[in-house]
Amino acid sequence: MGRLLLLAATAALLLAGCSGGGSPAPHASSPSPTTGANAVLAAPLAAASPMPALPRIDAAPMLPLLPPPVPWGLPPASRGLPPPAISAAAAIVMDEASGSVLFAHQPDLPLPPASLTKIATAVAVIEAGYLETPVEAHPDLERQWLEDSQSMGLEPGDVFLGRELLYGLLLASGNDAAEALATAIDGGQEPFAARLNALASRLGLGGTHFVNAHGLETPGHLSTARDLALLTRYAMSLPDFRAIVATETYTARGTRELPLYNLNPLLNYTEGVDGVKTGYTEEAGRTFVVTATRGGHRVIVVLLNDLFRTPDAIALIEWAFQGWAW
């Protein structure tokens, strides 16, 4: 009971003041599935357990959101400029407004996406209405494997709003944030992966299958360059997602303060770059989804298993805006 009161009090403080102290102004988001005290705790603690189970909200419903209209703009016209040579195993360049493919290399080849998975995880969190919901890092947080992977710095028992964890997920590529969010929303990786696969099905991502929320190597966890471009196209239509991935530095505030730095090497470096996410595992190699907007037109570049992902991304962005006319 004392643990419940402590968590509830912490959650109340978070809800009252987490957006202050230099944090960006909140953006419009999906409504929370629960309100009041039940927005913090809904499941009872396990009785007589040496390590009490983490109280959590019942599995949140997938909101009936639809992908953006296809198309909502006219496709660009080619100026006949040949595309650059790149080293990616698979790649695509897509015009956001029309969905037109400007360049493709093995776009439907299923490959491990690594942390590009977190684009889908962030969309699922936003759709589930968890941005303003307090989330506690589970006491059983698997520190052993997290210590050898990318982390936002969570410790067991930390409490942050879902929005703060999304900054840790997308800027710092925190696998600990992915673990905490999946546990809070659906009770663990397997049911949360089912949520991600429902999202993929809804968006028509036929070459994608998710097994976890973070993208660490797991058999059967695959996506394609085309699917990741379509996923990103939808994600960038969500104001909360769009604002987070365009943020260079941020301080996540909860029971502690955690400074975060965006791992996107092209943000505020290459003209117009406004997102999205890098990834890496030994199996996946270096992966990258990057968006750039110039003259009111946004292109999406996806690179999978690309040793030279940063120069290749720059080359494809420049080629897209020089070689196509809107």
C-alpha atoms as a PDB file:
ATOM      1  CA  MET A   1       0.000   0.000   0.000  1.00  0.00           C
ATOM      2  CA  GLY A   2       2.871   2.350   0.805  1.00  0.00           C
ATOM      3  CA  ARG A   3       4.321   1.695  -2.670  1.00  0.00           C
ATOM      4  CA  LEU A   4       0.950   2.519  -4.257  1.00  0.00           C
ATOM      5  CA  LEU A   5       0.674   5.815  -2.353  1.00  0.00           C
ATOM      6  CA  LEU A   6       4.251   6.768  -3.268  1.00  0.00           C
ATOM      7  CA  LEU A   7       3.717   6.056  -6.963  1.00  0.00           C
ATOM      8  CA  ALA A   8       0.381   7.894  -7.008  1.00  0.00           C
ATOM      9  CA  ALA A   9       1.940  10.946  -5.339  1.00  0.00           C
ATOM     10  CA  THR A  10       4.838  10.918  -7.799  1.00  0.00           C
ATOM     11  CA  ALA A  11       2.431  10.613 -10.712  1.00  0.00           C
ATOM     12  CA  ALA A  12       0.409  13.587  -9.451  1.00  0.00           C
ATOM     13  CA  LEU A  13       3.546  15.726  -9.272  1.00  0.00           C
ATOM     14  CA  LEU A  14       4.509  14.667 -12.785  1.00  0.00           C
ATOM     15  CA  LEU A  15       1.114  15.515 -14.196  1.00  0.00           C
ATOM     16  CA  ALA A  16       1.141  18.898 -12.463  1.00  0.00           C
ATOM     17  CA  GLY A  17       4.575  20.088 -13.468  1.00  0.00           C
ATOM     18  CA  CYS A  18       6.418  17.931 -15.976  1.00  0.00           C
ATOM     19  CA  SER A  19       5.870  20.333 -18.865  1.00  0.00           C
ATOM     20  CA  GLY A  20       7.532  23.220 -17.013  1.00  0.00           C
ATOM     21  CA  GLY A  21      11.154  24.042 -16.338  1.00  0.00           C
ATOM     22  CA  GLY A  22      12.278  24.466 -19.942  1.00  0.00           C
ATOM     23  CA  SER A  23      10.366  21.553 -21.499  1.00  0.00           C
ATOM     24  CA  PRO A  24       8.751  22.228 -24.891  1.00  0.00           C
ATOM     25  CA  ALA A  25       5.078  23.164 -24.869  1.00  0.00           C
ATOM     26  CA  PRO A  26       2.843  20.092 -25.153  1.00  0.00           C
ATOM     27  CA  HIS A  27       1.415  19.215 -28.544  1.00  0.00           C
ATOM     28  CA  ALA A  28      -2.032  17.886 -29.362  1.00  0.00           C
ATOM     29  CA  SER A  29      -2.270  14.159 -28.789  1.00  0.00           C
ATOM     30  CA  SER A  30      -4.746  11.306 -28.667  1.00  0.00           C
ATOM     31  CA  PRO A  31      -6.923  11.249 -25.531  1.00  0.00           C
ATOM     32  CA  SER A  32      -5.773   9.088 -22.645  1.00  0.00           C
ATOM     33  CA  PRO A  33      -7.716   5.827 -22.334  1.00  0.00           C
ATOM     34  CA  THR A  34      -8.239   6.437 -18.605  1.00  0.00           C
ATOM     35  CA  THR A  35      -8.569   9.450 -16.351  1.00  0.00           C
ATOM     36  CA  GLY A  36      -8.233  10.331 -12.672  1.00  0.00           C
ATOM     37  CA  ALA A  37      -6.610   7.953 -10.237  1.00  0.00           C
ATOM     38  CA  ASN A  38      -7.216   5.034 -12.573  1.00  0.00           C
ATOM     39  CA  ALA A  39      -4.900   6.695 -15.107  1.00  0.00           C
ATOM     40  CA  VAL A  40      -2.009   5.812 -12.804  1.00  0.00           C
ATOM     41  CA  LEU A  41      -2.832   2.432 -11.355  1.00  0.00           C
ATOM     42  CA  ALA A  42      -5.393  -0.110 -12.453  1.00  0.00           C
ATOM     43  CA  ALA A  43      -4.033  -3.553 -11.588  1.00  0.00           C
ATOM     44  CA  PRO A  44      -3.469  -4.622  -7.945  1.00  0.00           C
ATOM     45  CA  LEU A  45      -0.106  -5.623  -6.613  1.00  0.00           C
ATOM     46  CA  ALA A  46       0.569  -9.350  -6.392  1.00  0.00           C
ATOM     47  CA  ALA A  47       0.026 -10.484  -2.831  1.00  0.00           C
ATOM     48  CA  ALA A  48       2.840 -11.932  -0.738  1.00  0.00           C
ATOM     49  CA  SER A  49       5.425 -11.613  -3.501  1.00  0.00           C
ATOM     50  CA  PRO A  50       9.095 -10.972  -2.699  1.00  0.00           C
ATOM     51  CA  MET A  51       9.224  -8.578  -5.697  1.00  0.00           C
ATOM     52  CA  PRO A  52       5.766  -6.960  -6.106  1.00  0.00           C
ATOM     53  CA  ALA A  53       4.425  -6.891  -9.644  1.00  0.00           C
ATOM     54  CA  LEU A  54       4.400  -3.443 -11.231  1.00  0.00           C
ATOM     55  CA  PRO A  55       0.921  -1.897 -11.159  1.00  0.00           C
ATOM     56  CA  ARG A  56      -0.059  -0.949 -14.688  1.00  0.00           C
ATOM     57  CA  ILE A  57      -2.989   0.199 -16.777  1.00  0.00           C
ATOM     58  CA  ASP A  58      -4.973  -2.499 -18.518  1.00  0.00           C
ATOM     59  CA  ALA A  59      -3.929  -3.046 -22.132  1.00  0.00           C
ATOM     60  CA  ALA A  60      -4.768   0.145 -24.008  1.00  0.00           C
ATOM     61  CA  PRO A  61      -6.925  -0.094 -27.124  1.00  0.00           C
ATOM     62  CA  MET A  62      -5.586   0.714 -30.565  1.00  0.00           C
ATOM     63  CA  LEU A  63      -7.341   3.893 -31.617  1.00  0.00           C
ATOM     64  CA  PRO A  64      -9.145   3.697 -34.984  1.00  0.00           C
ATOM     65  CA  LEU A  65      -6.760   6.092 -36.747  1.00  0.00           C
ATOM     66  CA  LEU A  66      -6.221   5.852 -40.485  1.00  0.00           C
ATOM     67  CA  PRO A  67      -3.175   6.536 -42.620  1.00  0.00           C
ATOM     68  CA  PRO A  68      -2.980   9.920 -44.332  1.00  0.00           C
ATOM     69  CA  PRO A  69      -4.780  10.269 -47.694  1.00  0.00           C
ATOM     70  CA  VAL A  70      -2.869   8.760 -50.583  1.00  0.00           C
ATOM     71  CA  PRO A  71      -1.932  10.936 -52.346  1.00  0.00           C
ATOM     72  CA  TRP A  72      -2.409  14.402 -50.875  1.00  0.00           C
ATOM     73  CA  GLY A  73      -0.106  16.082 -53.410  1.00  0.00           C
ATOM     74  CA  LEU A  74       1.045  15.696 -57.001  1.00  0.00           C
ATOM     75  CA  PRO A  75       4.178  13.627 -57.689  1.00  0.00           C
ATOM     76  CA  PRO A  76       7.346  15.488 -58.721  1.00  0.00           C
ATOM     77  CA  ALA A  77       8.766  15.310 -62.237  1.00  0.00           C
ATOM     78  CA  SER A  78      12.211  13.888 -62.916  1.00  0.00           C
ATOM     79  CA  ARG A  79      14.889  16.196 -64.319  1.00  0.00           C
ATOM     80  CA  GLY A  80      16.837  13.186 -65.574  1.00  0.00           C
ATOM     81  CA  LEU A  81      19.663  13.383 -63.030  1.00  0.00           C
ATOM     82  CA  PRO A  82      21.070   9.883 -62.415  1.00  0.00           C
ATOM     83  CA  PRO A  83      20.990   8.733 -58.773  1.00  0.00           C
ATOM     84  CA  PRO A  84      24.216   8.413 -56.778  1.00  0.00           C
ATOM     85  CA  ALA A  85      25.904   5.085 -56.124  1.00  0.00           C
ATOM     86  CA  ILE A  86      25.246   3.867 -52.578  1.00  0.00           C
ATOM     87  CA  SER A  87      26.376   0.910 -50.463  1.00  0.00           C
ATOM     88  CA  ALA A  88      23.041  -0.058 -48.834  1.00  0.00           C
ATOM     89  CA  ALA A  89      21.651  -3.569 -49.134  1.00  0.00           C
ATOM     90  CA  ALA A  90      18.227  -1.960 -49.600  1.00  0.00           C
ATOM     91  CA  ALA A  91      17.121   1.639 -50.009  1.00  0.00           C
ATOM     92  CA  ILE A  92      14.288   3.897 -51.082  1.00  0.00           C
ATOM     93  CA  VAL A  93      13.573   7.592 -51.565  1.00  0.00           C
ATOM     94  CA  MET A  94       9.904   8.540 -51.304  1.00  0.00           C
ATOM     95  CA  ASP A  95       8.066  11.803 -51.860  1.00  0.00           C
ATOM     96  CA  GLU A  96       5.954  12.274 -48.744  1.00  0.00           C
ATOM     97  CA  ALA A  97       2.963  14.089 -50.255  1.00  0.00           C
ATOM     98  CA  SER A  98       2.327  11.798 -53.216  1.00  0.00           C
ATOM     99  CA  GLY A  99       3.904   8.606 -51.903  1.00  0.00           C
ATOM    100  CA  SER A 100       5.807   8.370 -55.193  1.00  0.00           C
ATOM    101  CA  VAL A 101       9.024   6.354 -55.173  1.00  0.00           C
ATOM    102  CA  LEU A 102      11.856   8.480 -56.569  1.00  0.00           C
ATOM    103  CA  PHE A 103      14.581   5.853 -56.109  1.00  0.00           C
ATOM    104  CA  ALA A 104      14.584   2.231 -55.026  1.00  0.00           C
ATOM    105  CA  HIS A 105      17.139  -0.535 -54.553  1.00  0.00           C
ATOM    106  CA  GLN A 106      15.711  -3.874 -53.392  1.00  0.00           C
ATOM    107  CA  PRO A 107      12.903  -1.971 -51.591  1.00  0.00           C
ATOM    108  CA  ASP A 108      10.930  -5.125 -50.734  1.00  0.00           C
ATOM    109  CA  LEU A 109      13.803  -7.213 -49.371  1.00  0.00           C
ATOM    110  CA  PRO A 110      13.016  -8.191 -45.744  1.00  0.00           C
ATOM    111  CA  LEU A 111      15.916  -7.202 -43.495  1.00  0.00           C
ATOM    112  CA  PRO A 112      16.415  -6.548 -39.764  1.00  0.00           C
ATOM    113  CA  PRO A 113      15.540  -2.876 -39.113  1.00  0.00           C
ATOM    114  CA  ALA A 114      17.361  -2.584 -35.745  1.00  0.00           C
ATOM    115  CA  SER A 115      16.233   0.546 -33.869  1.00  0.00           C
ATOM    116  CA  LEU A 116      14.119   1.800 -36.780  1.00  0.00           C
ATOM    117  CA  THR A 117      11.585  -0.410 -34.988  1.00  0.00           C
ATOM    118  CA  LYS A 118      11.195   2.456 -32.509  1.00  0.00           C
ATOM    119  CA  ILE A 119       9.385   4.513 -35.146  1.00  0.00           C
ATOM    120  CA  ALA A 120       6.533   1.997 -34.909  1.00  0.00           C
ATOM    121  CA  THR A 121       6.830   1.848 -31.116  1.00  0.00           C
ATOM    122  CA  ALA A 122       6.469   5.629 -30.869  1.00  0.00           C
ATOM    123  CA  VAL A 123       3.421   5.629 -33.157  1.00  0.00           C
ATOM    124  CA  ALA A 124       1.800   2.900 -31.052  1.00  0.00           C
ATOM    125  CA  VAL A 125       2.432   4.858 -27.826  1.00  0.00           C
ATOM    126  CA  ILE A 126       0.925   8.018 -29.317  1.00  0.00           C
ATOM    127  CA  GLU A 127      -2.104   6.173 -30.661  1.00  0.00           C
ATOM    128  CA  ALA A 128      -2.656   4.468 -27.306  1.00  0.00           C
ATOM    129  CA  GLY A 129      -2.915   7.880 -25.617  1.00  0.00           C
ATOM    130  CA  TYR A 130       0.052   7.392 -23.274  1.00  0.00           C
ATOM    131  CA  LEU A 131       1.802  10.730 -23.690  1.00  0.00           C
ATOM    132  CA  GLU A 132       0.548  12.131 -20.383  1.00  0.00           C
ATOM    133  CA  THR A 133       0.434   8.810 -18.519  1.00  0.00           C
ATOM    134  CA  PRO A 134       3.045   8.165 -15.780  1.00  0.00           C
ATOM    135  CA  VAL A 135       5.104   5.077 -16.540  1.00  0.00           C
ATOM    136  CA  GLU A 136       7.352   3.359 -14.008  1.00  0.00           C
ATOM    137  CA  ALA A 137      10.479   1.488 -15.032  1.00  0.00           C
ATOM    138  CA  HIS A 138       9.789  -2.046 -13.869  1.00  0.00           C
ATOM    139  CA  PRO A 139      11.775  -3.342 -10.852  1.00  0.00           C
ATOM    140  CA  ASP A 140      12.751  -6.299 -13.048  1.00  0.00           C
ATOM    141  CA  LEU A 141      14.174  -4.053 -15.789  1.00  0.00           C
ATOM    142  CA  GLU A 142      16.744  -6.245 -17.514  1.00  0.00           C
ATOM    143  CA  ARG A 143      19.802  -4.195 -16.678  1.00  0.00           C
ATOM    144  CA  GLN A 144      22.239  -6.868 -17.845  1.00  0.00           C
ATOM    145  CA  TRP A 145      21.294  -6.690 -21.512  1.00  0.00           C
ATOM    146  CA  LEU A 146      20.475  -2.976 -21.367  1.00  0.00           C
ATOM    147  CA  GLU A 147      23.985  -2.155 -20.142  1.00  0.00           C
ATOM    148  CA  ASP A 148      25.338  -3.467 -23.441  1.00  0.00           C
ATOM    149  CA  SER A 149      22.840  -1.547 -25.598  1.00  0.00           C
ATOM    150  CA  GLN A 150      21.625   1.990 -26.170  1.00  0.00           C
ATOM    151  CA  SER A 151      19.860   3.459 -23.125  1.00  0.00           C
ATOM    152  CA  MET A 152      18.292   6.725 -22.005  1.00  0.00           C
ATOM    153  CA  GLY A 153      19.538   5.952 -18.493  1.00  0.00           C
ATOM    154  CA  LEU A 154      16.464   4.574 -16.700  1.00  0.00           C
ATOM    155  CA  GLU A 155      16.844   2.827 -13.364  1.00  0.00           C
ATOM    156  CA  PRO A 156      14.251   0.454 -11.882  1.00  0.00           C
ATOM    157  CA  GLY A 157      11.541   2.469 -10.148  1.00  0.00           C
ATOM    158  CA  ASP A 158      12.027   5.661 -12.182  1.00  0.00           C
ATOM    159  CA  VAL A 159       8.739   7.320 -13.143  1.00  0.00           C
ATOM    160  CA  PHE A 160       8.364   9.468 -16.255  1.00  0.00           C
ATOM    161  CA  LEU A 161       5.418  10.506 -18.374  1.00  0.00           C
ATOM    162  CA  GLY A 162       5.048   8.600 -21.621  1.00  0.00           C
ATOM    163  CA  ARG A 163       5.981  11.751 -23.554  1.00  0.00           C
ATOM    164  CA  GLU A 164       9.308  11.993 -21.708  1.00  0.00           C
ATOM    165  CA  LEU A 165      10.044   8.345 -22.472  1.00  0.00           C
ATOM    166  CA  LEU A 166       9.347   8.978 -26.168  1.00  0.00           C
ATOM    167  CA  TYR A 167      12.148  11.550 -26.164  1.00  0.00           C
ATOM    168  CA  GLY A 168      14.423   8.902 -24.667  1.00  0.00           C
ATOM    169  CA  LEU A 169      13.178   6.357 -27.199  1.00  0.00           C
ATOM    170  CA  LEU A 170      13.618   8.500 -30.315  1.00  0.00           C
ATOM    171  CA  LEU A 171      16.546  10.804 -29.434  1.00  0.00           C
ATOM    172  CA  ALA A 172      18.777   8.498 -27.394  1.00  0.00           C
ATOM    173  CA  SER A 173      17.354   5.305 -28.961  1.00  0.00           C
ATOM    174  CA  GLY A 174      16.731   4.021 -25.441  1.00  0.00           C
ATOM    175  CA  ASN A 175      16.019   0.303 -25.339  1.00  0.00           C
ATOM    176  CA  ASP A 176      15.148   0.814 -21.670  1.00  0.00           C
ATOM    177  CA  ALA A 177      12.427   3.288 -22.706  1.00  0.00           C
ATOM    178  CA  ALA A 178      11.056   0.746 -25.192  1.00  0.00           C
ATOM    179  CA  GLU A 179      11.000  -1.913 -22.459  1.00  0.00           C
ATOM    180  CA  ALA A 180       9.237   0.369 -19.981  1.00  0.00           C
ATOM    181  CA  LEU A 181       6.600   1.508 -22.477  1.00  0.00           C
ATOM    182  CA  ALA A 182       5.843  -1.988 -23.759  1.00  0.00           C
ATOM    183  CA  THR A 183       5.446  -3.254 -20.188  1.00  0.00           C
ATOM    184  CA  ALA A 184       3.242  -0.339 -19.121  1.00  0.00           C
ATOM    185  CA  ILE A 185       0.914  -0.467 -22.124  1.00  0.00           C
ATOM    186  CA  ASP A 186       0.559  -4.192 -22.796  1.00  0.00           C
ATOM    187  CA  GLY A 187       2.408  -6.029 -20.037  1.00  0.00           C
ATOM    188  CA  GLY A 188       5.481  -7.051 -22.015  1.00  0.00           C
ATOM    189  CA  GLN A 189       7.245  -7.393 -25.340  1.00  0.00           C
ATOM    190  CA  GLU A 190       5.099 -10.141 -26.882  1.00  0.00           C
ATOM    191  CA  PRO A 191       1.676  -8.474 -26.542  1.00  0.00           C
ATOM    192  CA  PHE A 192       3.151  -5.095 -27.480  1.00  0.00           C
ATOM    193  CA  ALA A 193       4.663  -6.667 -30.614  1.00  0.00           C
ATOM    194  CA  ALA A 194       1.136  -7.830 -31.494  1.00  0.00           C
ATOM    195  CA  ARG A 195       0.070  -4.184 -31.266  1.00  0.00           C
ATOM    196  CA  LEU A 196       2.908  -3.203 -33.607  1.00  0.00           C
ATOM    197  CA  ASN A 197       1.948  -5.923 -36.073  1.00  0.00           C
ATOM    198  CA  ALA A 198      -1.661  -4.710 -36.022  1.00  0.00           C
ATOM    199  CA  LEU A 199      -0.342  -1.244 -36.890  1.00  0.00           C
ATOM    200  CA  ALA A 200       1.758  -2.706 -39.718  1.00  0.00           C
ATOM    201  CA  SER A 201      -1.259  -4.569 -41.064  1.00  0.00           C
ATOM    202  CA  ARG A 202      -3.390  -1.433 -40.945  1.00  0.00           C
ATOM    203  CA  LEU A 203      -0.786   0.510 -42.910  1.00  0.00           C
ATOM    204  CA  GLY A 204      -0.389  -2.276 -45.481  1.00  0.00           C
ATOM    205  CA  LEU A 205       3.205  -3.118 -44.543  1.00  0.00           C
ATOM    206  CA  GLY A 206       3.247  -6.599 -46.016  1.00  0.00           C
ATOM    207  CA  GLY A 207       6.981  -7.236 -45.574  1.00  0.00           C
ATOM    208  CA  THR A 208       7.114  -6.307 -41.889  1.00  0.00           C
ATOM    209  CA  HIS A 209       6.923  -8.485 -38.795  1.00  0.00           C
ATOM    210  CA  PHE A 210       7.782  -7.195 -35.321  1.00  0.00           C
ATOM    211  CA  VAL A 211       8.851  -9.384 -32.400  1.00  0.00           C
ATOM    212  CA  ASN A 212       9.768  -6.656 -29.901  1.00  0.00           C
ATOM    213  CA  ALA A 213       9.535  -2.903 -29.275  1.00  0.00           C
ATOM    214  CA  HIS A 214      13.236  -2.024 -29.543  1.00  0.00           C
ATOM    215  CA  GLY A 215      14.675  -3.853 -32.545  1.00  0.00           C
ATOM    216  CA  LEU A 216      17.411  -5.814 -30.796  1.00  0.00           C
ATOM    217  CA  GLU A 217      18.250  -8.949 -32.717  1.00  0.00           C
ATOM    218  CA  THR A 218      15.468 -11.527 -32.607  1.00  0.00           C
ATOM    219  CA  PRO A 219      14.680 -14.158 -35.266  1.00  0.00           C
ATOM    220  CA  GLY A 220      11.773 -13.105 -37.467  1.00  0.00           C
ATOM    221  CA  HIS A 221      12.012  -9.385 -36.649  1.00  0.00           C
ATOM    222  CA  LEU A 222      12.079  -7.927 -40.188  1.00  0.00           C
ATOM    223  CA  SER A 223      10.961  -5.030 -42.335  1.00  0.00           C
ATOM    224  CA  THR A 224      11.627  -3.571 -45.787  1.00  0.00           C
ATOM    225  CA  ALA A 225      12.799  -0.198 -47.055  1.00  0.00           C
ATOM    226  CA  ARG A 226       9.405   0.427 -48.673  1.00  0.00           C
ATOM    227  CA  ASP A 227       7.492  -0.491 -45.507  1.00  0.00           C
ATOM    228  CA  LEU A 228       9.684   1.732 -43.334  1.00  0.00           C
ATOM    229  CA  ALA A 229       9.149   4.656 -45.711  1.00  0.00           C
ATOM    230  CA  LEU A 230       5.379   4.167 -45.540  1.00  0.00           C
ATOM    231  CA  LEU A 231       5.538   3.826 -41.748  1.00  0.00           C
ATOM    232  CA  THR A 232       7.575   7.030 -41.511  1.00  0.00           C
ATOM    233  CA  ARG A 233       5.166   8.792 -43.858  1.00  0.00           C
ATOM    234  CA  TYR A 234       2.370   8.046 -41.409  1.00  0.00           C
ATOM    235  CA  ALA A 235       4.477   8.819 -38.320  1.00  0.00           C
ATOM    236  CA  MET A 236       5.414  12.251 -39.663  1.00  0.00           C
ATOM    237  CA  SER A 237       1.698  13.085 -39.996  1.00  0.00           C
ATOM    238  CA  LEU A 238       1.463  12.926 -36.174  1.00  0.00           C
ATOM    239  CA  PRO A 239       2.419  16.311 -34.626  1.00  0.00           C
ATOM    240  CA  ASP A 240       3.884  14.772 -31.451  1.00  0.00           C
ATOM    241  CA  PHE A 241       6.141  12.406 -33.364  1.00  0.00           C
ATOM    242  CA  ARG A 242       7.205  15.116 -35.798  1.00  0.00           C
ATOM    243  CA  ALA A 243       8.147  17.507 -32.982  1.00  0.00           C
ATOM    244  CA  ILE A 244      10.172  14.924 -31.038  1.00  0.00           C
ATOM    245  CA  VAL A 245      12.317  13.665 -33.926  1.00  0.00           C
ATOM    246  CA  ALA A 246      13.173  17.269 -34.894  1.00  0.00           C
ATOM    247  CA  THR A 247      14.558  17.977 -31.381  1.00  0.00           C
ATOM    248  CA  GLU A 248      18.342  18.067 -31.068  1.00  0.00           C
ATOM    249  CA  THR A 249      18.681  18.060 -27.257  1.00  0.00           C
ATOM    250  CA  TYR A 250      16.185  17.565 -24.457  1.00  0.00           C
ATOM    251  CA  THR A 251      16.089  17.016 -20.704  1.00  0.00           C
ATOM    252  CA  ALA A 252      13.620  14.312 -19.690  1.00  0.00           C
ATOM    253  CA  ARG A 253      12.067  15.208 -16.339  1.00  0.00           C
ATOM    254  CA  GLY A 254      10.444  12.737 -13.984  1.00  0.00           C
ATOM    255  CA  THR A 255      11.640  11.374 -10.670  1.00  0.00           C
ATOM    256  CA  ARG A 256      15.072  12.352 -12.031  1.00  0.00           C
ATOM    257  CA  GLU A 257      16.384  14.528 -14.852  1.00  0.00           C
ATOM    258  CA  LEU A 258      18.069  12.825 -17.800  1.00  0.00           C
ATOM    259  CA  PRO A 259      19.838  14.857 -20.528  1.00  0.00           C
ATOM    260  CA  LEU A 260      19.227  13.447 -24.005  1.00  0.00           C
ATOM    261  CA  TYR A 261      20.974  14.044 -27.334  1.00  0.00           C
ATOM    262  CA  ASN A 262      19.600  13.164 -30.760  1.00  0.00           C
ATOM    263  CA  LEU A 263      21.704  10.495 -32.482  1.00  0.00           C
ATOM    264  CA  ASN A 264      20.602  11.643 -35.959  1.00  0.00           C
ATOM    265  CA  PRO A 265      23.918  12.914 -37.440  1.00  0.00           C
ATOM    266  CA  LEU A 266      22.190  15.044 -40.108  1.00  0.00           C
ATOM    267  CA  LEU A 267      19.831  17.009 -37.869  1.00  0.00           C
ATOM    268  CA  ASN A 268      20.817  20.686 -38.033  1.00  0.00           C
ATOM    269  CA  TYR A 269      23.684  19.686 -40.323  1.00  0.00           C
ATOM    270  CA  THR A 270      22.159  18.949 -43.732  1.00  0.00           C
ATOM    271  CA  GLU A 271      19.700  21.551 -45.027  1.00  0.00           C
ATOM    272  CA  GLY A 272      16.081  20.736 -44.244  1.00  0.00           C
ATOM    273  CA  VAL A 273      16.658  17.528 -42.250  1.00  0.00           C
ATOM    274  CA  ASP A 274      13.854  17.208 -39.680  1.00  0.00           C
ATOM    275  CA  GLY A 275      13.964  13.535 -38.609  1.00  0.00           C
ATOM    276  CA  VAL A 276      13.985  10.605 -38.015  1.00  0.00           C
ATOM    277  CA  LYS A 277      16.035   7.665 -36.606  1.00  0.00           C
ATOM    278  CA  THR A 278      19.244   5.653 -36.821  1.00  0.00           C
ATOM    279  CA  GLY A 279      19.777   2.013 -35.902  1.00  0.00           C
ATOM    280  CA  TYR A 280      22.490  -0.583 -35.559  1.00  0.00           C
ATOM    281  CA  THR A 281      22.963  -4.221 -34.626  1.00  0.00           C
ATOM    282  CA  GLU A 282      25.588  -6.663 -35.867  1.00  0.00           C
ATOM    283  CA  GLU A 283      22.945  -8.530 -37.865  1.00  0.00           C
ATOM    284  CA  ALA A 284      21.202  -5.454 -39.289  1.00  0.00           C
ATOM    285  CA  GLY A 285      24.296  -3.363 -39.884  1.00  0.00           C
ATOM    286  CA  ARG A 286      23.828   0.403 -39.982  1.00  0.00           C
ATOM    287  CA  THR A 287      20.272   1.493 -40.712  1.00  0.00           C
ATOM    288  CA  PHE A 288      18.819   4.965 -41.193  1.00  0.00           C
ATOM    289  CA  VAL A 289      15.528   6.686 -41.904  1.00  0.00           C
ATOM    290  CA  VAL A 290      15.962  10.403 -42.557  1.00  0.00           C
ATOM    291  CA  THR A 291      13.507  13.060 -43.704  1.00  0.00           C
ATOM    292  CA  ALA A 292      14.291  16.432 -45.231  1.00  0.00           C
ATOM    293  CA  THR A 293      11.999  19.311 -46.178  1.00  0.00           C
ATOM    294  CA  ARG A 294      12.848  22.023 -48.685  1.00  0.00           C
ATOM    295  CA  GLY A 295      10.482  24.440 -50.378  1.00  0.00           C
ATOM    296  CA  GLY A 296       7.553  22.889 -48.559  1.00  0.00           C
ATOM    297  CA  HIS A 297       8.275  19.386 -49.911  1.00  0.00           C
ATOM    298  CA  ARG A 298       9.474  16.501 -47.727  1.00  0.00           C
ATOM    299  CA  VAL A 299      11.325  13.400 -48.903  1.00  0.00           C
ATOM    300  CA  ILE A 300      11.877  10.209 -46.924  1.00  0.00           C
ATOM    301  CA  VAL A 301      15.140   8.278 -47.312  1.00  0.00           C
ATOM    302  CA  VAL A 302      15.514   4.732 -45.959  1.00  0.00           C
ATOM    303  CA  LEU A 303      18.839   2.868 -45.889  1.00  0.00           C
ATOM    304  CA  LEU A 304      19.198  -0.706 -44.604  1.00  0.00           C
ATOM    305  CA  ASN A 305      22.523  -2.416 -43.880  1.00  0.00           C
ATOM    306  CA  ASP A 306      24.552   0.516 -45.169  1.00  0.00           C
ATOM    307  CA  LEU A 307      28.140   0.876 -43.957  1.00  0.00           C
ATOM    308  CA  PHE A 308      28.219   4.449 -45.313  1.00  0.00           C
ATOM    309  CA  ARG A 309      24.714   5.456 -44.291  1.00  0.00           C
ATOM    310  CA  THR A 310      25.510   9.109 -43.463  1.00  0.00           C
ATOM    311  CA  PRO A 311      27.191  10.137 -46.757  1.00  0.00           C
ATOM    312  CA  ASP A 312      24.726   7.966 -48.694  1.00  0.00           C
ATOM    313  CA  ALA A 313      21.793   9.698 -47.002  1.00  0.00           C
ATOM    314  CA  ILE A 314      23.235  13.130 -47.808  1.00  0.00           C
ATOM    315  CA  ALA A 315      23.823  12.121 -51.434  1.00  0.00           C
ATOM    316  CA  LEU A 316      20.249  10.854 -51.859  1.00  0.00           C
ATOM    317  CA  ILE A 317      18.722  13.948 -50.228  1.00  0.00           C
ATOM    318  CA  GLU A 318      20.694  16.270 -52.504  1.00  0.00           C
ATOM    319  CA  TRP A 319      19.865  14.145 -55.543  1.00  0.00           C
ATOM    320  CA  ALA A 320      16.148  14.168 -54.693  1.00  0.00           C
ATOM    321  CA  PHE A 321      15.909  17.952 -54.502  1.00  0.00           C
ATOM    322  CA  GLN A 322      18.203  18.595 -57.458  1.00  0.00           C
ATOM    323  CA  GLY A 323      16.896  15.821 -59.686  1.00  0.00           C
ATOM    324  CA  TRP A 324      13.148  16.288 -59.194  1.00  0.00           C
ATOM    325  CA  ALA A 325      10.818  19.255 -59.665  1.00  0.00           C
ATOM    326  CA  TRP A 326       7.583  19.799 -57.752  1.00  0.00           C
END
